[in-house]
Amino acid sequence: MQTNSNYQKTQVVRIQLSKHAQVRTAQRAISPLVLPLITSYGKREFDGRGGVRYMLTSSTHRQLVRAVGDTPQVRALAGCFVVLDALSQSTVITCGHRQ
């Protein structure tokens, strides 16, 4: 018999894009629809300037591929990062591709 004793309720946070982030997603061909994937699987670190960076490293990208499958769209996310406002954790400041 299986139980749900380890169930953890997750809170859904609506991610908003700043004006700067709207420009950067368009310039860098990163769909706003994939930003929750990057923030869910990316390695989290503080950037020292009031933001929290979520980076898809090679290991976290492999975890994402295992979870959603290996598609060209998922492969294109390798090295992507998203920076959220450290206070609200719901406003995207910027995003891009690691060089």
C-alpha atoms as a PDB file:
ATOM      1  CA  MET A   1       0.000   0.000   0.000  1.00  0.00           C
ATOM      2  CA  GLN A   2       1.381   3.394  -0.979  1.00  0.00           C
ATOM      3  CA  THR A   3       0.837   6.512   1.069  1.00  0.00           C
ATOM      4  CA  ASN A   4       1.446  10.125   0.395  1.00  0.00           C
ATOM      5  CA  SER A   5       3.285  10.751   3.679  1.00  0.00           C
ATOM      6  CA  ASN A   6       6.217  12.339   1.816  1.00  0.00           C
ATOM      7  CA  TYR A   7       3.970  14.660  -0.175  1.00  0.00           C
ATOM      8  CA  GLN A   8       5.113  18.259  -0.129  1.00  0.00           C
ATOM      9  CA  LYS A   9       2.743  20.935  -1.281  1.00  0.00           C
ATOM     10  CA  THR A  10       4.426  23.220  -3.780  1.00  0.00           C
ATOM     11  CA  GLN A  11       3.556  26.842  -4.029  1.00  0.00           C
ATOM     12  CA  VAL A  12       2.905  28.151  -7.508  1.00  0.00           C
ATOM     13  CA  VAL A  13       4.593  31.508  -7.986  1.00  0.00           C
ATOM     14  CA  ARG A  14       3.557  33.649 -10.915  1.00  0.00           C
ATOM     15  CA  ILE A  15       6.709  34.934 -12.584  1.00  0.00           C
ATOM     16  CA  GLN A  16       6.570  38.479 -13.906  1.00  0.00           C
ATOM     17  CA  LEU A  17       9.026  39.974 -16.376  1.00  0.00           C
ATOM     18  CA  SER A  18      10.521  43.411 -15.909  1.00  0.00           C
ATOM     19  CA  LYS A  19      10.652  45.649 -18.980  1.00  0.00           C
ATOM     20  CA  HIS A  20      14.360  44.832 -19.275  1.00  0.00           C
ATOM     21  CA  ALA A  21      13.637  41.091 -19.105  1.00  0.00           C
ATOM     22  CA  GLN A  22      10.974  41.404 -21.803  1.00  0.00           C
ATOM     23  CA  VAL A  23      13.548  42.969 -24.124  1.00  0.00           C
ATOM     24  CA  ARG A  24      16.221  40.381 -23.242  1.00  0.00           C
ATOM     25  CA  THR A  25      13.950  37.363 -23.769  1.00  0.00           C
ATOM     26  CA  ALA A  26      13.107  38.660 -27.230  1.00  0.00           C
ATOM     27  CA  GLN A  27      16.720  39.522 -28.115  1.00  0.00           C
ATOM     28  CA  ARG A  28      18.084  36.210 -26.857  1.00  0.00           C
ATOM     29  CA  ALA A  29      15.297  33.998 -28.210  1.00  0.00           C
ATOM     30  CA  ILE A  30      14.340  32.640 -24.794  1.00  0.00           C
ATOM     31  CA  SER A  31      10.633  31.992 -24.504  1.00  0.00           C
ATOM     32  CA  PRO A  32       9.042  33.266 -21.289  1.00  0.00           C
ATOM     33  CA  LEU A  33       7.303  29.889 -21.116  1.00  0.00           C
ATOM     34  CA  VAL A  34      10.595  28.112 -20.296  1.00  0.00           C
ATOM     35  CA  LEU A  35      11.600  30.456 -17.468  1.00  0.00           C
ATOM     36  CA  PRO A  36       9.843  28.320 -14.814  1.00  0.00           C
ATOM     37  CA  LEU A  37      11.817  25.282 -16.051  1.00  0.00           C
ATOM     38  CA  ILE A  38      15.088  27.167 -15.677  1.00  0.00           C
ATOM     39  CA  THR A  39      14.183  28.383 -12.185  1.00  0.00           C
ATOM     40  CA  SER A  40      13.029  24.904 -11.160  1.00  0.00           C
ATOM     41  CA  TYR A  41      16.075  22.977 -12.399  1.00  0.00           C
ATOM     42  CA  GLY A  42      18.794  25.631 -12.429  1.00  0.00           C
ATOM     43  CA  LYS A  43      21.560  25.902  -9.866  1.00  0.00           C
ATOM     44  CA  ARG A  44      20.629  28.710  -7.473  1.00  0.00           C
ATOM     45  CA  GLU A  45      23.144  31.328  -6.370  1.00  0.00           C
ATOM     46  CA  PHE A  46      23.033  34.924  -5.193  1.00  0.00           C
ATOM     47  CA  ASP A  47      24.615  37.351  -7.618  1.00  0.00           C
ATOM     48  CA  GLY A  48      25.682  39.866  -4.966  1.00  0.00           C
ATOM     49  CA  ARG A  49      23.639  42.677  -6.546  1.00  0.00           C
ATOM     50  CA  GLY A  50      20.161  41.975  -5.227  1.00  0.00           C
ATOM     51  CA  GLY A  51      19.346  39.080  -7.499  1.00  0.00           C
ATOM     52  CA  VAL A  52      19.204  35.311  -7.428  1.00  0.00           C
ATOM     53  CA  ARG A  53      20.656  33.580 -10.499  1.00  0.00           C
ATOM     54  CA  TYR A  54      19.352  30.204 -11.692  1.00  0.00           C
ATOM     55  CA  MET A  55      21.850  28.625 -14.083  1.00  0.00           C
ATOM     56  CA  LEU A  56      21.352  25.454 -16.101  1.00  0.00           C
ATOM     57  CA  THR A  57      24.732  23.829 -15.609  1.00  0.00           C
ATOM     58  CA  SER A  58      25.618  20.599 -17.378  1.00  0.00           C
ATOM     59  CA  SER A  59      24.424  18.502 -14.417  1.00  0.00           C
ATOM     60  CA  THR A  60      21.174  20.409 -13.897  1.00  0.00           C
ATOM     61  CA  HIS A  61      20.531  20.357 -17.647  1.00  0.00           C
ATOM     62  CA  ARG A  62      20.865  16.549 -17.598  1.00  0.00           C
ATOM     63  CA  GLN A  63      18.264  16.434 -14.799  1.00  0.00           C
ATOM     64  CA  LEU A  64      15.935  18.564 -16.916  1.00  0.00           C
ATOM     65  CA  VAL A  65      16.442  16.284 -19.925  1.00  0.00           C
ATOM     66  CA  ARG A  66      15.628  13.228 -17.784  1.00  0.00           C
ATOM     67  CA  ALA A  67      12.469  14.927 -16.519  1.00  0.00           C
ATOM     68  CA  VAL A  68      11.008  16.334 -19.749  1.00  0.00           C
ATOM     69  CA  GLY A  69      12.829  14.504 -22.527  1.00  0.00           C
ATOM     70  CA  ASP A  70      15.596  15.257 -24.983  1.00  0.00           C
ATOM     71  CA  THR A  71      14.219  17.609 -27.618  1.00  0.00           C
ATOM     72  CA  PRO A  72      15.885  20.349 -29.664  1.00  0.00           C
ATOM     73  CA  GLN A  73      14.059  22.944 -27.555  1.00  0.00           C
ATOM     74  CA  VAL A  74      15.391  21.449 -24.318  1.00  0.00           C
ATOM     75  CA  ARG A  75      18.912  21.130 -25.766  1.00  0.00           C
ATOM     76  CA  ALA A  76      18.806  24.857 -26.613  1.00  0.00           C
ATOM     77  CA  LEU A  77      18.359  25.645 -22.912  1.00  0.00           C
ATOM     78  CA  ALA A  78      21.833  24.367 -22.008  1.00  0.00           C
ATOM     79  CA  GLY A  79      23.728  27.195 -20.348  1.00  0.00           C
ATOM     80  CA  CYS A  80      20.706  29.458 -19.947  1.00  0.00           C
ATOM     81  CA  PHE A  81      20.286  31.551 -16.829  1.00  0.00           C
ATOM     82  CA  VAL A  82      17.538  33.608 -15.242  1.00  0.00           C
ATOM     83  CA  VAL A  83      18.042  36.319 -12.628  1.00  0.00           C
ATOM     84  CA  LEU A  84      15.153  36.956 -10.246  1.00  0.00           C
ATOM     85  CA  ASP A  85      14.723  39.802  -7.784  1.00  0.00           C
ATOM     86  CA  ALA A  86      16.013  38.463  -4.436  1.00  0.00           C
ATOM     87  CA  LEU A  87      13.201  40.020  -2.413  1.00  0.00           C
ATOM     88  CA  SER A  88      10.128  38.926  -4.334  1.00  0.00           C
ATOM     89  CA  GLN A  89      11.598  35.861  -6.096  1.00  0.00           C
ATOM     90  CA  SER A  90       8.880  36.404  -8.700  1.00  0.00           C
ATOM     91  CA  THR A  91      10.183  39.213 -10.911  1.00  0.00           C
ATOM     92  CA  VAL A  92      12.636  38.304 -13.661  1.00  0.00           C
ATOM     93  CA  ILE A  93      15.358  40.924 -13.921  1.00  0.00           C
ATOM     94  CA  THR A  94      17.164  39.423 -16.921  1.00  0.00           C
ATOM     95  CA  CYS A  95      17.979  36.164 -18.655  1.00  0.00           C
ATOM     96  CA  GLY A  96      20.511  34.918 -21.164  1.00  0.00           C
ATOM     97  CA  HIS A  97      22.941  32.254 -22.289  1.00  0.00           C
ATOM     98  CA  ARG A  98      26.218  31.573 -20.528  1.00  0.00           C
ATOM     99  CA  GLN A  99      29.176  32.195 -22.806  1.00  0.00           C
END
